[in-house]
Amino acid sequence: MTTTNHQAITPSTAVESLRTALTDAGIVLPSLAVDTASPHLGLVELGRVRADVAAQLAVALRNGGRA
């Protein structure tokens, strides 16, 4: 696993990258967005999801991105 300097990636780029990867796995996080409350921290808001979506996300992570 490679590491990336967290300052080199903008929150909006991270959101779009994560949204694309999740879509490819058939997963939607409806609240996925840039956290505008703390712009200096560069945070991404993952939001809340139903339990079945969280379980599907866990399966996808265990399977290398395939739900």
C-alpha atoms as a PDB file:
ATOM      1  CA  MET A   1       0.000   0.000   0.000  1.00  0.00           C
ATOM      2  CA  THR A   2       1.436   3.356  -0.959  1.00  0.00           C
ATOM      3  CA  THR A   3       1.110   6.422   1.192  1.00  0.00           C
ATOM      4  CA  THR A   4       0.402   9.899  -0.121  1.00  0.00           C
ATOM      5  CA  ASN A   5       1.120  13.259   1.421  1.00  0.00           C
ATOM      6  CA  HIS A   6      -2.294  14.321   2.734  1.00  0.00           C
ATOM      7  CA  GLN A   7      -1.585  17.930   1.751  1.00  0.00           C
ATOM      8  CA  ALA A   8      -1.100  16.975  -1.927  1.00  0.00           C
ATOM      9  CA  ILE A   9      -4.701  15.842  -2.445  1.00  0.00           C
ATOM     10  CA  THR A  10      -7.566  18.322  -2.341  1.00  0.00           C
ATOM     11  CA  PRO A  11     -10.756  17.296  -0.563  1.00  0.00           C
ATOM     12  CA  SER A  12     -12.774  17.698  -3.773  1.00  0.00           C
ATOM     13  CA  THR A  13     -10.386  15.400  -5.654  1.00  0.00           C
ATOM     14  CA  ALA A  14     -10.593  12.856  -2.854  1.00  0.00           C
ATOM     15  CA  VAL A  15     -14.414  13.008  -2.851  1.00  0.00           C
ATOM     16  CA  GLU A  16     -14.641  12.442  -6.600  1.00  0.00           C
ATOM     17  CA  SER A  17     -12.093   9.628  -6.483  1.00  0.00           C
ATOM     18  CA  LEU A  18     -13.912   7.903  -3.627  1.00  0.00           C
ATOM     19  CA  ARG A  19     -17.318   8.436  -5.249  1.00  0.00           C
ATOM     20  CA  THR A  20     -16.071   6.823  -8.474  1.00  0.00           C
ATOM     21  CA  ALA A  21     -14.558   3.850  -6.637  1.00  0.00           C
ATOM     22  CA  LEU A  22     -17.721   3.345  -4.600  1.00  0.00           C
ATOM     23  CA  THR A  23     -19.903   3.584  -7.700  1.00  0.00           C
ATOM     24  CA  ASP A  24     -17.730   0.948  -9.386  1.00  0.00           C
ATOM     25  CA  ALA A  25     -18.417  -1.289  -6.369  1.00  0.00           C
ATOM     26  CA  GLY A  26     -22.159  -0.554  -6.533  1.00  0.00           C
ATOM     27  CA  ILE A  27     -22.130   1.522  -3.333  1.00  0.00           C
ATOM     28  CA  VAL A  28     -23.591   4.992  -2.802  1.00  0.00           C
ATOM     29  CA  LEU A  29     -22.777   7.198   0.174  1.00  0.00           C
ATOM     30  CA  PRO A  30     -25.450   9.901  -0.176  1.00  0.00           C
ATOM     31  CA  SER A  31     -23.752  12.324   2.206  1.00  0.00           C
ATOM     32  CA  LEU A  32     -20.255  12.060   0.701  1.00  0.00           C
ATOM     33  CA  ALA A  33     -18.978  15.640   0.354  1.00  0.00           C
ATOM     34  CA  VAL A  34     -16.215  18.090   1.119  1.00  0.00           C
ATOM     35  CA  ASP A  35     -16.427  19.275   4.731  1.00  0.00           C
ATOM     36  CA  THR A  36     -16.805  23.035   4.298  1.00  0.00           C
ATOM     37  CA  ALA A  37     -16.871  23.713   8.058  1.00  0.00           C
ATOM     38  CA  SER A  38     -13.096  23.287   8.394  1.00  0.00           C
ATOM     39  CA  PRO A  39     -11.503  24.121   5.026  1.00  0.00           C
ATOM     40  CA  HIS A  40      -8.008  24.468   6.533  1.00  0.00           C
ATOM     41  CA  LEU A  41      -8.118  20.815   7.632  1.00  0.00           C
ATOM     42  CA  GLY A  42      -8.990  19.395   4.198  1.00  0.00           C
ATOM     43  CA  LEU A  43     -11.626  16.997   5.547  1.00  0.00           C
ATOM     44  CA  VAL A  44     -14.047  14.787   3.649  1.00  0.00           C
ATOM     45  CA  GLU A  45     -17.510  14.158   5.107  1.00  0.00           C
ATOM     46  CA  LEU A  46     -18.485  10.509   4.661  1.00  0.00           C
ATOM     47  CA  GLY A  47     -21.869  10.951   6.297  1.00  0.00           C
ATOM     48  CA  ARG A  48     -24.261   8.361   7.630  1.00  0.00           C
ATOM     49  CA  VAL A  49     -25.457   5.241   5.832  1.00  0.00           C
ATOM     50  CA  ARG A  50     -27.882   2.397   6.461  1.00  0.00           C
ATOM     51  CA  ALA A  51     -26.459  -0.724   8.095  1.00  0.00           C
ATOM     52  CA  ASP A  52     -26.781  -2.746   4.885  1.00  0.00           C
ATOM     53  CA  VAL A  53     -24.711  -0.179   2.971  1.00  0.00           C
ATOM     54  CA  ALA A  54     -22.027  -0.230   5.692  1.00  0.00           C
ATOM     55  CA  ALA A  55     -21.941  -4.028   5.481  1.00  0.00           C
ATOM     56  CA  GLN A  56     -21.683  -3.840   1.664  1.00  0.00           C
ATOM     57  CA  LEU A  57     -18.788  -1.392   2.015  1.00  0.00           C
ATOM     58  CA  ALA A  58     -17.020  -3.762   4.416  1.00  0.00           C
ATOM     59  CA  VAL A  59     -17.406  -6.637   1.948  1.00  0.00           C
ATOM     60  CA  ALA A  60     -16.050  -4.472  -0.882  1.00  0.00           C
ATOM     61  CA  LEU A  61     -13.016  -3.494   1.183  1.00  0.00           C
ATOM     62  CA  ARG A  62     -12.317  -7.103   2.112  1.00  0.00           C
ATOM     63  CA  ASN A  63     -12.639  -8.128  -1.551  1.00  0.00           C
ATOM     64  CA  GLY A  64     -10.314  -5.471  -2.896  1.00  0.00           C
ATOM     65  CA  GLY A  65     -13.077  -3.115  -4.019  1.00  0.00           C
ATOM     66  CA  ARG A  66     -15.563  -5.666  -5.340  1.00  0.00           C
ATOM     67  CA  ALA A  67     -18.869  -5.828  -3.495  1.00  0.00           C
END
